């Protein structure tokens, strides 16, 4: 029987996003491939995963993943490592769209190229538009950035998930093609 294992991976030690609901306001120090490996192994130690299973790993449990470029190469490493034993590793980036990340759009374009070409669409992207962080772009600006990224890179495989508690569901349905986006309101 094929089983899906869902794990969350911290991308930074600490987080500088300043969300009102979070007590972790230290500046984020990027974690490495070794740190990710430790988190994944610890999460899967009791699961007994086997050939045919899927590991869905979301980067963004603690820290803002778009500040940590090593996530992309680490995702490829884990994708290949688990593929060799017949397990599908599906990495996902969960971002709050931080305006302080001057390379945010470039990171997202690179992630989408990586997702579409290297992983044949077997990777995810979650955009959190309901962020309580004073460091996040406004919803309208975040949407413009995201649409530019999708126009430039396209979407292969898994759809992009938009998570929001904003009260404009009709706007989101109009803006985001359901072929490429899944909206959670």
C-alpha atoms as a PDB file:
ATOM      1  CA  UNK A   1       0.000   0.000   0.000  1.00  0.00           C
ATOM      2  CA  UNK A   2       1.403   3.411  -1.001  1.00  0.00           C
ATOM      3  CA  UNK A   3       1.411   5.923   1.843  1.00  0.00           C
ATOM      4  CA  UNK A   4       1.863   9.694   1.802  1.00  0.00           C
ATOM      5  CA  UNK A   5       4.059  11.081   4.565  1.00  0.00           C
ATOM      6  CA  UNK A   6       3.707  14.808   5.288  1.00  0.00           C
ATOM      7  CA  UNK A   7       6.572  16.573   7.037  1.00  0.00           C
ATOM      8  CA  UNK A   8       7.381  20.202   7.741  1.00  0.00           C
ATOM      9  CA  UNK A   9      10.957  21.413   7.572  1.00  0.00           C
ATOM     10  CA  UNK A  10      12.362  24.563   9.147  1.00  0.00           C
ATOM     11  CA  UNK A  11      14.349  26.573   6.634  1.00  0.00           C
ATOM     12  CA  UNK A  12      15.963  28.892   9.168  1.00  0.00           C
ATOM     13  CA  UNK A  13      16.918  28.941  12.831  1.00  0.00           C
ATOM     14  CA  UNK A  14      14.815  31.838  13.996  1.00  0.00           C
ATOM     15  CA  UNK A  15      12.717  34.040  11.753  1.00  0.00           C
ATOM     16  CA  UNK A  16      12.792  37.741  11.056  1.00  0.00           C
ATOM     17  CA  UNK A  17       9.280  38.063   9.628  1.00  0.00           C
ATOM     18  CA  UNK A  18       7.824  39.504  12.860  1.00  0.00           C
ATOM     19  CA  UNK A  19       4.398  37.826  12.683  1.00  0.00           C
ATOM     20  CA  UNK A  20       2.140  38.945  15.533  1.00  0.00           C
ATOM     21  CA  UNK A  21       1.091  35.392  16.402  1.00  0.00           C
ATOM     22  CA  UNK A  22       4.659  34.035  16.622  1.00  0.00           C
ATOM     23  CA  UNK A  23       7.070  34.264  19.521  1.00  0.00           C
ATOM     24  CA  UNK A  24      10.101  33.551  17.322  1.00  0.00           C
ATOM     25  CA  UNK A  25      11.365  36.998  16.309  1.00  0.00           C
ATOM     26  CA  UNK A  26      15.098  36.372  16.063  1.00  0.00           C
ATOM     27  CA  UNK A  27      16.817  37.023  12.753  1.00  0.00           C
ATOM     28  CA  UNK A  28      16.727  33.895  10.636  1.00  0.00           C
ATOM     29  CA  UNK A  29      19.971  32.013  10.100  1.00  0.00           C
ATOM     30  CA  UNK A  30      19.771  29.747   7.067  1.00  0.00           C
ATOM     31  CA  UNK A  31      19.893  26.016   7.676  1.00  0.00           C
ATOM     32  CA  UNK A  32      21.948  23.656   5.499  1.00  0.00           C
ATOM     33  CA  UNK A  33      21.543  20.346   3.687  1.00  0.00           C
ATOM     34  CA  UNK A  34      22.799  18.597   6.849  1.00  0.00           C
ATOM     35  CA  UNK A  35      20.190  20.388   8.963  1.00  0.00           C
ATOM     36  CA  UNK A  36      17.433  19.458   6.498  1.00  0.00           C
ATOM     37  CA  UNK A  37      18.647  15.840   6.473  1.00  0.00           C
ATOM     38  CA  UNK A  38      18.470  15.693  10.257  1.00  0.00           C
ATOM     39  CA  UNK A  39      14.909  17.077  10.291  1.00  0.00           C
ATOM     40  CA  UNK A  40      13.733  14.680   7.578  1.00  0.00           C
ATOM     41  CA  UNK A  41      15.346  11.641   9.197  1.00  0.00           C
ATOM     42  CA  UNK A  42      13.900  12.570  12.592  1.00  0.00           C
ATOM     43  CA  UNK A  43      10.428  13.044  11.070  1.00  0.00           C
ATOM     44  CA  UNK A  44      10.512   9.729   9.193  1.00  0.00           C
ATOM     45  CA  UNK A  45      12.252   7.548  11.800  1.00  0.00           C
ATOM     46  CA  UNK A  46       9.054   5.940  13.062  1.00  0.00           C
ATOM     47  CA  UNK A  47       7.054   6.037   9.852  1.00  0.00           C
ATOM     48  CA  UNK A  48       8.484   2.964   8.158  1.00  0.00           C
ATOM     49  CA  UNK A  49       8.297   4.398   4.645  1.00  0.00           C
ATOM     50  CA  UNK A  50       8.734   1.926   1.821  1.00  0.00           C
ATOM     51  CA  UNK A  51       8.972   1.658  -1.957  1.00  0.00           C
ATOM     52  CA  UNK A  52       6.044   3.364  -3.676  1.00  0.00           C
ATOM     53  CA  UNK A  53       5.448   5.848  -0.831  1.00  0.00           C
ATOM     54  CA  UNK A  54       5.481   9.634  -1.196  1.00  0.00           C
ATOM     55  CA  UNK A  55       7.189  12.078   1.134  1.00  0.00           C
ATOM     56  CA  UNK A  56       5.638  15.548   0.937  1.00  0.00           C
ATOM     57  CA  UNK A  57       8.084  17.940   2.585  1.00  0.00           C
ATOM     58  CA  UNK A  58       7.102  21.563   3.165  1.00  0.00           C
ATOM     59  CA  UNK A  59       9.901  24.056   3.756  1.00  0.00           C
ATOM     60  CA  UNK A  60       8.610  26.909   5.875  1.00  0.00           C
ATOM     61  CA  UNK A  61       7.817  25.500   9.317  1.00  0.00           C
ATOM     62  CA  UNK A  62      10.121  28.059  10.912  1.00  0.00           C
ATOM     63  CA  UNK A  63      11.783  30.797   8.949  1.00  0.00           C
ATOM     64  CA  UNK A  64      11.014  32.223   5.531  1.00  0.00           C
ATOM     65  CA  UNK A  65      12.271  29.731   2.910  1.00  0.00           C
ATOM     66  CA  UNK A  66      12.756  32.274   0.117  1.00  0.00           C
ATOM     67  CA  UNK A  67      15.735  33.673   2.040  1.00  0.00           C
ATOM     68  CA  UNK A  68      17.490  30.278   1.877  1.00  0.00           C
ATOM     69  CA  UNK A  69      18.701  29.390  -1.630  1.00  0.00           C
ATOM     70  CA  UNK A  70      20.159  26.058  -0.449  1.00  0.00           C
ATOM     71  CA  UNK A  71      16.597  24.692  -0.315  1.00  0.00           C
ATOM     72  CA  UNK A  72      16.581  24.293  -4.086  1.00  0.00           C
ATOM     73  CA  UNK A  73      19.718  22.142  -4.369  1.00  0.00           C
ATOM     74  CA  UNK A  74      18.778  20.292  -1.181  1.00  0.00           C
ATOM     75  CA  UNK A  75      15.387  19.472  -2.707  1.00  0.00           C
ATOM     76  CA  UNK A  76      17.111  18.000  -5.763  1.00  0.00           C
ATOM     77  CA  UNK A  77      19.421  15.978  -3.493  1.00  0.00           C
ATOM     78  CA  UNK A  78      16.475  14.479  -1.552  1.00  0.00           C
ATOM     79  CA  UNK A  79      14.444  13.942  -4.733  1.00  0.00           C
ATOM     80  CA  UNK A  80      17.307  11.843  -6.190  1.00  0.00           C
ATOM     81  CA  UNK A  81      18.169  10.125  -2.901  1.00  0.00           C
ATOM     82  CA  UNK A  82      14.626   8.848  -2.339  1.00  0.00           C
ATOM     83  CA  UNK A  83      14.007   8.117  -6.038  1.00  0.00           C
ATOM     84  CA  UNK A  84      16.833   5.550  -5.873  1.00  0.00           C
ATOM     85  CA  UNK A  85      14.858   3.554  -3.281  1.00  0.00           C
ATOM     86  CA  UNK A  86      11.510   3.950  -5.060  1.00  0.00           C
ATOM     87  CA  UNK A  87      10.111   6.772  -2.899  1.00  0.00           C
ATOM     88  CA  UNK A  88       8.799  10.024  -4.383  1.00  0.00           C
ATOM     89  CA  UNK A  89      10.079  13.123  -2.567  1.00  0.00           C
ATOM     90  CA  UNK A  90       7.844  16.150  -3.261  1.00  0.00           C
ATOM     91  CA  UNK A  91       9.316  19.396  -1.898  1.00  0.00           C
ATOM     92  CA  UNK A  92       7.121  22.447  -1.320  1.00  0.00           C
ATOM     93  CA  UNK A  93       8.011  26.043  -0.539  1.00  0.00           C
ATOM     94  CA  UNK A  94       5.571  27.906   1.747  1.00  0.00           C
ATOM     95  CA  UNK A  95       6.208  31.648   1.569  1.00  0.00           C
ATOM     96  CA  UNK A  96       4.697  34.774   3.094  1.00  0.00           C
ATOM     97  CA  UNK A  97       6.116  36.899   0.240  1.00  0.00           C
ATOM     98  CA  UNK A  98       8.542  39.047   2.289  1.00  0.00           C
ATOM     99  CA  UNK A  99       9.196  42.508   0.878  1.00  0.00           C
ATOM    100  CA  UNK A 100      12.615  42.577   2.573  1.00  0.00           C
ATOM    101  CA  UNK A 101      13.776  39.796   0.259  1.00  0.00           C
ATOM    102  CA  UNK A 102      15.020  41.829  -2.689  1.00  0.00           C
ATOM    103  CA  UNK A 103      15.550  38.582  -4.613  1.00  0.00           C
ATOM    104  CA  UNK A 104      12.069  37.180  -3.947  1.00  0.00           C
ATOM    105  CA  UNK A 105      10.866  37.271  -7.540  1.00  0.00           C
ATOM    106  CA  UNK A 106      14.144  35.778  -8.797  1.00  0.00           C
ATOM    107  CA  UNK A 107      13.917  33.015  -6.164  1.00  0.00           C
ATOM    108  CA  UNK A 108      10.329  32.193  -7.157  1.00  0.00           C
ATOM    109  CA  UNK A 109      11.232  32.123 -10.874  1.00  0.00           C
ATOM    110  CA  UNK A 110      14.156  29.823 -10.144  1.00  0.00           C
ATOM    111  CA  UNK A 111      11.952  27.576  -7.993  1.00  0.00           C
ATOM    112  CA  UNK A 112       9.330  27.354 -10.754  1.00  0.00           C
ATOM    113  CA  UNK A 113      11.972  26.526 -13.382  1.00  0.00           C
ATOM    114  CA  UNK A 114      13.422  23.919 -11.036  1.00  0.00           C
ATOM    115  CA  UNK A 115       9.922  22.543 -10.277  1.00  0.00           C
ATOM    116  CA  UNK A 116       8.874  22.448 -13.925  1.00  0.00           C
ATOM    117  CA  UNK A 117      12.090  21.175 -15.533  1.00  0.00           C
ATOM    118  CA  UNK A 118      14.220  19.276 -13.010  1.00  0.00           C
ATOM    119  CA  UNK A 119      11.390  17.707 -10.996  1.00  0.00           C
ATOM    120  CA  UNK A 120       8.843  17.343 -13.837  1.00  0.00           C
ATOM    121  CA  UNK A 121       6.281  19.370 -11.893  1.00  0.00           C
ATOM    122  CA  UNK A 122       6.659  17.253  -8.741  1.00  0.00           C
ATOM    123  CA  UNK A 123       7.147  20.143  -6.352  1.00  0.00           C
ATOM    124  CA  UNK A 124       4.832  22.624  -4.713  1.00  0.00           C
ATOM    125  CA  UNK A 125       4.527  26.300  -3.984  1.00  0.00           C
ATOM    126  CA  UNK A 126       2.248  27.734  -1.298  1.00  0.00           C
ATOM    127  CA  UNK A 127       1.674  31.481  -1.210  1.00  0.00           C
ATOM    128  CA  UNK A 128       0.294  32.708   2.116  1.00  0.00           C
ATOM    129  CA  UNK A 129      -1.583  35.938   1.458  1.00  0.00           C
ATOM    130  CA  UNK A 130      -3.052  36.108   4.938  1.00  0.00           C
ATOM    131  CA  UNK A 131       0.252  36.798   6.602  1.00  0.00           C
ATOM    132  CA  UNK A 132       0.230  38.633   9.903  1.00  0.00           C
ATOM    133  CA  UNK A 133       3.768  39.742   9.237  1.00  0.00           C
ATOM    134  CA  UNK A 134       4.534  43.434   8.869  1.00  0.00           C
ATOM    135  CA  UNK A 135       7.402  42.277   6.626  1.00  0.00           C
ATOM    136  CA  UNK A 136       5.150  40.726   3.956  1.00  0.00           C
ATOM    137  CA  UNK A 137       4.104  42.406   0.738  1.00  0.00           C
ATOM    138  CA  UNK A 138       0.541  43.663   0.532  1.00  0.00           C
ATOM    139  CA  UNK A 139      -1.855  41.140  -0.973  1.00  0.00           C
ATOM    140  CA  UNK A 140      -2.167  43.137  -4.213  1.00  0.00           C
ATOM    141  CA  UNK A 141       1.616  43.433  -4.666  1.00  0.00           C
ATOM    142  CA  UNK A 142       2.163  39.750  -3.826  1.00  0.00           C
ATOM    143  CA  UNK A 143      -0.425  38.784  -6.452  1.00  0.00           C
ATOM    144  CA  UNK A 144       1.298  40.938  -9.114  1.00  0.00           C
ATOM    145  CA  UNK A 145       4.661  39.316  -8.364  1.00  0.00           C
ATOM    146  CA  UNK A 146       3.175  35.830  -8.453  1.00  0.00           C
ATOM    147  CA  UNK A 147       1.396  36.425 -11.764  1.00  0.00           C
ATOM    148  CA  UNK A 148       4.647  37.763 -13.315  1.00  0.00           C
ATOM    149  CA  UNK A 149       6.472  34.623 -12.155  1.00  0.00           C
ATOM    150  CA  UNK A 150       3.797  32.321 -13.575  1.00  0.00           C
ATOM    151  CA  UNK A 151       3.656  34.260 -16.861  1.00  0.00           C
ATOM    152  CA  UNK A 152       7.444  33.916 -17.198  1.00  0.00           C
ATOM    153  CA  UNK A 153       7.889  30.317 -16.057  1.00  0.00           C
ATOM    154  CA  UNK A 154       4.511  28.590 -16.479  1.00  0.00           C
ATOM    155  CA  UNK A 155       3.206  25.833 -14.212  1.00  0.00           C
ATOM    156  CA  UNK A 156       3.831  22.127 -14.764  1.00  0.00           C
ATOM    157  CA  UNK A 157       2.402  19.414 -12.538  1.00  0.00           C
ATOM    158  CA  UNK A 158       1.170  20.421  -9.105  1.00  0.00           C
ATOM    159  CA  UNK A 159      -0.832  23.617  -8.916  1.00  0.00           C
ATOM    160  CA  UNK A 160       0.250  26.616  -6.860  1.00  0.00           C
ATOM    161  CA  UNK A 161      -1.751  26.906  -3.657  1.00  0.00           C
ATOM    162  CA  UNK A 162      -2.952  30.340  -2.584  1.00  0.00           C
ATOM    163  CA  UNK A 163      -3.899  30.515   1.107  1.00  0.00           C
ATOM    164  CA  UNK A 164      -5.767  33.573   2.337  1.00  0.00           C
ATOM    165  CA  UNK A 165      -8.396  34.697   4.788  1.00  0.00           C
ATOM    166  CA  UNK A 166      -9.101  37.770   2.701  1.00  0.00           C
ATOM    167  CA  UNK A 167     -12.765  38.345   1.950  1.00  0.00           C
ATOM    168  CA  UNK A 168     -12.472  38.637  -1.839  1.00  0.00           C
ATOM    169  CA  UNK A 169     -12.965  35.084  -3.151  1.00  0.00           C
ATOM    170  CA  UNK A 170     -14.458  36.279  -6.454  1.00  0.00           C
ATOM    171  CA  UNK A 171     -11.349  38.358  -7.141  1.00  0.00           C
ATOM    172  CA  UNK A 172      -9.125  35.340  -6.605  1.00  0.00           C
ATOM    173  CA  UNK A 173     -11.241  33.131  -8.829  1.00  0.00           C
ATOM    174  CA  UNK A 174     -11.042  35.777 -11.566  1.00  0.00           C
ATOM    175  CA  UNK A 175      -7.282  36.324 -11.222  1.00  0.00           C
ATOM    176  CA  UNK A 176      -6.070  32.763 -10.862  1.00  0.00           C
ATOM    177  CA  UNK A 177      -6.663  30.119 -13.522  1.00  0.00           C
ATOM    178  CA  UNK A 178      -7.845  26.961 -11.682  1.00  0.00           C
ATOM    179  CA  UNK A 179      -5.696  24.908 -14.055  1.00  0.00           C
ATOM    180  CA  UNK A 180      -2.611  26.342 -12.334  1.00  0.00           C
ATOM    181  CA  UNK A 181      -3.856  27.502  -8.940  1.00  0.00           C
ATOM    182  CA  UNK A 182      -5.703  25.992  -6.016  1.00  0.00           C
ATOM    183  CA  UNK A 183      -7.267  28.600  -3.722  1.00  0.00           C
ATOM    184  CA  UNK A 184      -7.883  27.948  -0.007  1.00  0.00           C
ATOM    185  CA  UNK A 185      -9.960  30.727   1.574  1.00  0.00           C
END
